[in-house]
Protein backbone atom coordinates (compact mmCIF):
# COMPACT_ATOMS: atom_id res chain seq x y z
CA MET A 1 161.26 -9.08 -70.11
CA LYS A 2 157.48 -8.70 -69.77
CA LYS A 3 156.71 -5.09 -69.08
CA ARG A 4 153.29 -5.03 -67.67
CA PRO A 5 150.75 -7.18 -66.17
CA LEU A 6 147.70 -8.58 -68.56
CA ARG A 7 149.74 -7.45 -71.62
CA THR A 8 148.13 -7.78 -74.92
CA THR A 9 149.82 -9.66 -77.72
CA VAL A 10 149.44 -11.67 -80.96
CA ILE A 11 150.33 -14.98 -82.27
CA GLY A 12 152.24 -13.97 -85.37
CA SER A 13 150.27 -13.74 -88.66
CA TYR A 14 147.75 -11.06 -89.83
CA PRO A 15 145.49 -10.87 -92.79
CA PHE A 16 146.87 -9.96 -96.15
CA PRO A 17 145.50 -6.84 -97.70
CA GLY A 18 143.27 -7.58 -100.66
CA TRP A 19 145.59 -6.07 -103.07
CA LEU A 20 148.44 -8.34 -101.67
CA GLU A 21 146.32 -11.43 -102.23
CA PHE A 22 145.69 -10.21 -105.84
CA ALA A 23 149.34 -9.28 -106.37
CA CYS A 24 150.61 -12.68 -105.05
CA GLN A 25 148.63 -14.30 -107.76
CA HIS A 26 150.31 -12.17 -110.65
CA LEU A 27 153.95 -11.96 -109.28
CA ASN A 28 155.36 -12.55 -112.64
CA GLN A 29 154.01 -9.18 -113.75
CA PHE A 30 156.06 -7.41 -111.03
CA GLY A 31 159.83 -6.55 -110.96
CA THR A 32 162.13 -7.02 -107.93
CA SER A 33 161.63 -3.39 -106.85
CA ASP A 34 157.95 -3.87 -107.29
CA ARG A 35 157.77 -6.66 -105.01
CA ASN A 36 159.99 -5.23 -102.29
CA GLU A 37 157.48 -2.35 -102.30
CA LEU A 38 154.77 -4.56 -102.03
CA VAL A 39 156.26 -6.27 -99.06
CA GLU A 40 157.14 -3.01 -97.31
CA ASP A 41 153.55 -1.56 -97.88
CA ALA A 42 151.94 -4.70 -96.59
CA VAL A 43 154.20 -4.75 -93.47
CA ALA A 44 153.42 -1.11 -92.65
CA VAL A 45 149.66 -1.86 -92.90
CA ALA A 46 149.86 -4.72 -90.56
CA ILE A 47 151.82 -2.56 -88.15
CA ARG A 48 149.48 0.14 -88.18
CA ASP A 49 146.45 -1.94 -87.71
CA GLN A 50 148.06 -3.56 -84.68
CA VAL A 51 149.39 -0.12 -83.18
CA GLN A 52 145.80 1.41 -83.77
CA ALA A 53 144.40 -1.45 -81.72
CA GLY A 54 146.88 -0.54 -78.93
CA LEU A 55 148.75 -3.75 -78.61
CA ASP A 56 151.62 -4.21 -76.26
CA VAL A 57 153.40 -6.63 -78.50
CA ILE A 58 153.23 -6.70 -82.24
CA THR A 59 154.70 -8.63 -85.20
CA ASP A 60 155.21 -7.94 -88.87
CA GLY A 61 151.99 -9.89 -89.54
CA GLU A 62 153.99 -12.42 -91.61
CA GLN A 63 153.28 -10.51 -94.54
CA THR A 64 156.05 -12.16 -96.56
CA ARG A 65 154.80 -15.61 -95.61
CA LEU A 66 152.14 -17.63 -97.74
CA ASP A 67 151.10 -19.18 -94.57
CA PHE A 68 152.73 -19.40 -90.91
CA ASN A 69 155.19 -21.94 -92.24
CA LEU A 70 154.57 -22.88 -95.96
CA SER A 71 156.83 -20.22 -97.31
CA PHE A 72 159.66 -21.44 -95.15
CA TYR A 73 160.12 -24.62 -97.83
CA GLY A 74 161.35 -22.03 -100.31
CA PHE A 75 164.43 -21.62 -98.27
CA ILE A 76 165.35 -25.01 -97.85
CA GLU A 77 167.53 -26.95 -100.24
CA GLY A 78 166.92 -30.62 -101.07
CA LEU A 79 163.37 -30.29 -101.87
CA GLU A 80 161.38 -30.55 -104.93
CA LEU A 81 158.35 -28.34 -104.21
CA GLU A 82 154.98 -29.37 -104.98
CA SER A 83 153.40 -27.40 -107.85
CA ALA A 84 149.75 -27.86 -107.20
CA SER A 85 147.43 -28.61 -104.13
CA PRO A 86 146.32 -32.46 -104.18
CA ARG A 87 142.60 -31.58 -103.87
CA ARG A 88 141.39 -28.35 -105.10
CA PHE A 89 137.56 -28.55 -104.96
CA GLY A 90 135.09 -29.09 -102.26
CA PRO A 91 135.09 -27.87 -98.56
CA PRO A 92 138.44 -26.30 -97.60
CA ALA A 93 140.56 -28.35 -95.53
CA HIS A 94 144.14 -29.26 -94.36
CA ASP A 95 144.27 -31.94 -97.14
CA GLN A 96 144.56 -29.19 -99.79
CA ARG A 97 147.96 -28.59 -98.42
CA GLY A 98 150.22 -30.85 -100.60
CA LYS A 99 153.66 -32.30 -99.49
CA HIS A 100 157.01 -31.77 -100.94
CA THR A 101 159.49 -34.51 -102.21
CA VAL A 102 162.91 -34.76 -100.70
CA ILE A 103 165.58 -35.28 -103.13
CA ASP A 104 168.73 -34.60 -101.23
CA ASP A 105 170.18 -33.52 -97.84
CA LEU A 106 168.02 -30.93 -96.05
CA ARG A 107 169.94 -27.62 -95.84
CA ALA A 108 169.03 -23.92 -95.42
CA PRO A 109 172.35 -22.12 -96.25
CA ARG A 110 170.67 -18.75 -96.62
CA GLY A 111 168.60 -19.15 -93.52
CA LEU A 112 164.89 -19.03 -93.15
CA GLY A 113 164.37 -15.37 -93.83
CA THR A 114 163.30 -14.29 -90.39
CA VAL A 115 166.19 -12.18 -89.49
CA GLU A 116 165.42 -9.97 -92.47
CA ASP A 117 161.79 -9.87 -91.58
CA PHE A 118 162.53 -8.96 -88.15
CA GLN A 119 165.02 -6.09 -89.24
CA ARG A 120 162.22 -4.73 -91.49
CA LEU A 121 159.93 -4.71 -88.51
CA VAL A 122 162.33 -2.76 -86.40
CA ARG A 123 162.86 -0.24 -89.22
CA LEU A 124 159.16 0.19 -89.81
CA ALA A 125 157.60 -0.07 -86.29
CA PRO A 126 157.18 2.90 -83.80
CA ALA A 127 159.41 2.97 -80.89
CA GLY A 128 158.20 1.72 -77.43
CA LEU A 129 156.52 -1.43 -78.59
CA THR A 130 157.60 -5.07 -78.17
CA LEU A 131 158.61 -6.58 -81.24
CA LYS A 132 158.00 -10.41 -81.78
CA ALA A 133 159.13 -12.87 -84.48
CA SER A 134 157.49 -16.20 -85.00
CA VAL A 135 159.26 -19.28 -86.25
CA PRO A 136 157.68 -22.84 -86.87
CA GLY A 137 159.51 -25.64 -85.29
CA PRO A 138 161.06 -28.53 -86.99
CA TYR A 139 158.18 -31.15 -86.04
CA THR A 140 155.56 -28.80 -87.47
CA LEU A 141 157.77 -28.15 -90.57
CA SER A 142 158.23 -31.78 -91.09
CA GLY A 143 154.65 -32.34 -91.67
CA ARG A 144 154.76 -31.19 -95.23
CA LEU A 145 157.57 -33.44 -96.40
CA LEU A 146 157.36 -36.94 -97.79
CA PRO A 147 159.83 -39.52 -96.08
CA ASN A 148 162.29 -41.27 -98.29
CA ALA A 149 165.12 -43.78 -98.00
CA GLN A 150 167.26 -41.06 -96.51
CA TYR A 151 164.65 -39.91 -93.94
CA PRO A 152 162.47 -42.96 -93.40
CA ASP A 153 159.89 -41.25 -91.10
CA ARG A 154 158.45 -37.93 -89.76
CA TYR A 155 160.97 -37.89 -86.78
CA ALA A 156 164.02 -38.34 -89.27
CA LEU A 157 162.72 -35.47 -91.09
CA THR A 158 162.37 -33.51 -87.72
CA GLU A 159 166.13 -34.17 -86.80
CA ALA A 160 167.12 -33.06 -90.33
CA LEU A 161 165.36 -29.72 -89.85
CA LEU A 162 166.11 -29.09 -86.11
CA PRO A 163 169.59 -27.78 -86.64
CA ILE A 164 168.17 -25.47 -89.31
CA VAL A 165 165.25 -24.08 -87.02
CA ARG A 166 168.04 -23.94 -84.10
CA ALA A 167 170.46 -21.79 -86.06
CA GLU A 168 167.55 -19.39 -87.22
CA LEU A 169 166.60 -18.79 -83.76
CA GLU A 170 170.07 -17.94 -82.46
CA ALA A 171 170.53 -15.67 -85.51
CA LEU A 172 167.34 -13.82 -84.59
CA VAL A 173 168.58 -13.34 -80.96
CA ASN A 174 171.82 -12.19 -82.31
CA ALA A 175 170.04 -9.69 -84.68
CA GLY A 176 168.40 -8.12 -81.33
CA CYS A 177 165.08 -9.88 -81.27
CA ARG A 178 164.00 -10.33 -77.56
CA GLU A 179 160.43 -12.00 -78.14
CA ILE A 180 160.16 -15.18 -80.00
CA THR A 181 157.38 -17.64 -80.44
CA VAL A 182 158.41 -21.03 -81.59
CA ASP A 183 155.11 -22.48 -83.31
CA GLU A 184 154.65 -26.10 -82.87
CA PRO A 185 150.92 -26.85 -83.46
CA SER A 186 151.76 -30.25 -84.83
CA MET A 187 152.81 -31.27 -81.37
CA SER A 188 149.69 -29.96 -79.83
CA CYS A 189 147.47 -31.69 -82.54
CA TYR A 190 149.14 -35.10 -82.26
CA ALA A 191 150.00 -35.02 -78.47
CA HIS A 192 146.91 -37.22 -77.98
CA LYS A 193 148.77 -40.07 -79.94
CA GLU A 194 152.52 -39.49 -79.89
CA ASN A 195 155.01 -39.44 -77.13
CA THR A 196 154.73 -36.29 -75.32
CA THR A 197 158.20 -36.59 -73.62
CA ARG A 198 159.73 -37.08 -76.87
CA PHE A 199 158.10 -33.92 -78.27
CA VAL A 200 159.56 -32.00 -75.35
CA GLU A 201 162.96 -33.33 -75.80
CA ILE A 202 162.93 -32.29 -79.38
CA PHE A 203 161.42 -28.83 -78.78
CA ASN A 204 164.17 -28.20 -76.04
CA ARG A 205 167.00 -29.14 -78.18
CA THR A 206 165.81 -26.87 -80.86
CA VAL A 207 165.56 -23.64 -78.44
CA GLU A 208 168.56 -24.62 -76.24
CA PRO A 209 170.75 -21.74 -77.76
CA ILE A 210 168.25 -19.03 -76.93
CA VAL A 211 166.83 -20.17 -73.52
CA GLY A 212 167.63 -17.07 -71.21
CA ARG A 213 168.28 -14.82 -74.00
CA CYS A 214 164.84 -13.67 -74.94
CA HIS A 215 161.28 -14.02 -73.76
CA LEU A 216 160.52 -17.34 -75.57
CA SER A 217 157.10 -18.73 -75.90
CA THR A 218 155.42 -21.53 -77.75
CA HIS A 219 151.93 -21.77 -79.36
CA LEU A 220 149.76 -24.80 -78.58
CA CYS A 221 146.75 -24.89 -80.90
CA PHE A 222 144.75 -27.41 -82.85
CA GLY A 223 145.24 -26.08 -86.38
CA ASN A 224 143.54 -23.10 -88.26
CA TYR A 225 143.96 -23.74 -91.99
CA LYS A 226 140.96 -22.11 -93.65
CA GLY A 227 139.58 -21.56 -90.25
CA ARG A 228 139.28 -25.29 -89.35
CA ALA A 229 141.05 -27.32 -86.67
CA VAL A 230 142.85 -30.50 -87.60
CA GLY A 231 143.76 -32.15 -84.00
CA LEU A 232 141.83 -33.46 -81.13
CA ARG A 233 140.69 -30.11 -79.36
CA HIS A 234 141.90 -31.17 -75.83
CA TYR A 235 144.87 -29.93 -73.80
CA ALA A 236 144.95 -32.76 -71.25
CA PRO A 237 147.11 -35.16 -73.09
CA MET A 238 149.66 -32.46 -73.40
CA PHE A 239 150.24 -31.82 -69.68
CA PRO A 240 151.87 -32.29 -67.19
CA ALA A 241 154.65 -33.38 -69.64
CA PHE A 242 154.69 -29.96 -71.80
CA LEU A 243 155.61 -27.98 -68.62
CA ASP A 244 158.98 -29.16 -69.16
CA MET A 245 159.40 -27.24 -72.34
CA ALA A 246 162.01 -24.63 -71.88
CA VAL A 247 159.79 -21.57 -72.38
CA ASP A 248 158.79 -18.44 -70.52
CA GLU A 249 155.20 -18.59 -71.78
CA ILE A 250 152.99 -20.90 -73.39
CA HIS A 251 150.03 -19.73 -75.78
CA LEU A 252 146.83 -21.43 -75.55
CA GLU A 253 143.71 -21.77 -77.69
CA MET A 254 140.72 -20.97 -75.30
CA ALA A 255 137.99 -18.76 -76.95
CA SER A 256 136.95 -21.08 -79.80
CA ARG A 257 136.56 -23.87 -77.11
CA GLU A 258 134.30 -21.81 -74.90
CA MET A 259 137.23 -21.45 -72.59
CA ALA A 260 137.17 -25.26 -71.87
CA GLU A 261 140.14 -26.64 -69.64
CA LEU A 262 140.78 -22.98 -68.64
CA GLU A 263 142.07 -24.29 -65.27
CA ILE A 264 144.99 -25.68 -67.14
CA ILE A 265 146.63 -22.06 -66.68
CA GLU A 266 146.85 -22.63 -62.86
CA GLN A 267 149.26 -25.38 -63.64
CA ILE A 268 151.31 -23.49 -66.14
CA THR A 269 151.51 -20.18 -64.18
CA LYS A 270 153.15 -22.11 -61.29
CA THR A 271 156.35 -21.91 -63.28
CA LYS A 272 155.69 -19.91 -66.58
CA ASP A 273 153.64 -17.21 -68.09
CA ALA A 274 150.31 -18.13 -70.02
CA ALA A 275 149.09 -16.16 -73.11
CA VAL A 276 145.37 -17.12 -73.15
CA GLY A 277 143.51 -16.95 -76.39
CA ILE A 278 140.52 -15.00 -75.63
CA VAL A 279 139.63 -13.89 -79.21
CA ASP A 280 137.88 -16.53 -81.45
CA VAL A 281 139.82 -16.22 -84.94
CA LYS A 282 137.56 -18.99 -86.49
CA SER A 283 134.19 -16.97 -85.75
CA TYR A 284 133.11 -13.86 -87.43
CA TYR A 285 131.29 -12.77 -84.20
CA ILE A 286 132.92 -9.79 -82.94
CA GLU A 287 133.53 -9.97 -79.45
CA THR A 288 132.71 -7.07 -77.28
CA PRO A 289 135.03 -5.40 -74.75
CA GLU A 290 132.79 -6.65 -72.11
CA ASP A 291 133.07 -10.31 -73.64
CA ILE A 292 136.71 -9.95 -73.43
CA ALA A 293 136.66 -8.58 -69.80
CA SER A 294 134.76 -11.40 -68.65
CA ARG A 295 137.18 -13.97 -70.16
CA VAL A 296 140.07 -11.89 -68.36
CA ARG A 297 138.23 -11.97 -65.07
CA ALA A 298 137.73 -15.68 -65.56
CA CYS A 299 141.53 -16.25 -66.06
CA LEU A 300 142.27 -14.44 -62.85
CA LYS A 301 140.48 -17.06 -60.97
CA TYR A 302 143.27 -19.50 -61.73
CA ALA A 303 146.46 -17.20 -62.29
CA PRO A 304 148.09 -13.98 -61.04
CA THR A 305 148.02 -10.88 -63.00
CA ASP A 306 151.85 -10.90 -63.72
CA ARG A 307 151.69 -14.32 -65.21
CA LEU A 308 148.98 -13.45 -67.88
CA SER A 309 149.09 -12.13 -71.27
CA PHE A 310 145.89 -12.22 -73.66
CA ALA A 311 145.81 -12.66 -77.41
CA PRO A 312 143.65 -14.19 -80.12
CA ASP A 313 143.51 -18.02 -80.30
CA CYS A 314 145.72 -18.38 -83.30
CA GLY A 315 147.24 -16.21 -86.00
CA LEU A 316 144.82 -13.96 -87.90
CA SER A 317 145.92 -14.81 -91.34
CA GLN A 318 142.79 -16.84 -91.93
CA THR A 319 140.32 -14.21 -90.82
CA ALA A 320 139.21 -11.15 -92.80
CA ARG A 321 140.99 -8.05 -92.12
CA TRP A 322 138.07 -5.89 -91.33
CA ALA A 323 137.09 -8.66 -88.62
CA ALA A 324 140.67 -8.85 -87.34
CA LYS A 325 140.97 -4.97 -86.70
CA GLU A 326 137.70 -4.96 -84.79
CA LYS A 327 138.58 -8.22 -82.67
CA LEU A 328 142.06 -6.80 -81.70
CA LYS A 329 140.42 -3.41 -80.96
CA SER A 330 138.06 -5.35 -78.44
CA LEU A 331 140.69 -7.15 -77.15
CA VAL A 332 142.60 -4.28 -76.05
CA GLU A 333 139.68 -2.53 -74.78
CA GLY A 334 138.46 -5.43 -72.87
CA VAL A 335 141.86 -6.14 -71.11
CA ARG A 336 142.17 -2.33 -70.19
CA VAL A 337 138.54 -2.50 -68.43
CA VAL A 338 140.06 -5.10 -65.99
CA GLN A 339 143.29 -3.22 -65.84
CA ARG A 340 141.42 -0.12 -64.63
CA GLU A 341 139.53 -2.35 -62.06
CA LEU A 342 142.81 -3.58 -60.62
CA LYS A 343 144.38 -0.20 -60.64
CA ILE A 344 147.13 -1.37 -63.11
CA GLU A 345 148.55 1.13 -65.27
CA CYS A 346 147.41 1.04 -68.84
């Protein structure tokens, strides 16, 4: 399903416009039609920025989500949502994201909202681009829930969430989505201390209904809440086990790690595509096109052109919009430099 070698893509999220940030803090002042208009306008802005950058693959920027996964809890029944963060002051970090209390069976009779988001993207995006949807996996979603007598640990919560995510993925494909990323950053963050074979088995059961029906990828990063990582930033503990994930493409965070362990893409691209993160979303240094081209050339030492895509390290939601726009522009320009060198049609 991939249309060209060395394609440019994104993980999923894009910065909110400043006016949307403000509006989200005052939603009680808006009517239903007002809120719908806010969402439409924000998605249109995210699409425009990605199109102007020249990306091959775009998303809706996840403009309907408070975070890449936090808003999904609003669709899940059986939860008592936490009303305030446990820590509000001091340096920003992952412990400022609280956990929700489970009070009943976990269900999502309305789905998780991604089908509606994808349909909006189809309606607003220009023709000819590949449109991607991103969905958090059940293990990652379980991390914000408190175990109880019914679900005594994180794995029990994961098993309860798995059919919900599985049904959402199938609904997305049935709605015509042909490019899906299942985000499981918690798996990559905790691979150094958990059973990686168990992770793979959970992941593969989650995606089983859509394998072979779309270009399916997963994003393995180390966390990016408030621009900060949370996991051991090392890929070695994940491999070779994660090579058994039933995906077409694995996204890797490389730029913020000075391209460390880049050789891992040689293993990956023997059987799958690799989307290499060559834009550092945790830094406000704006990569030049030549920086990007140099990183692409480094990747080509380990993997063939038809197995490689290039993206930012993570979603861009934690990066200021002005910087995100410039970084995406450099990403595309730098990749095109190498495409021209290799006489690949841009």
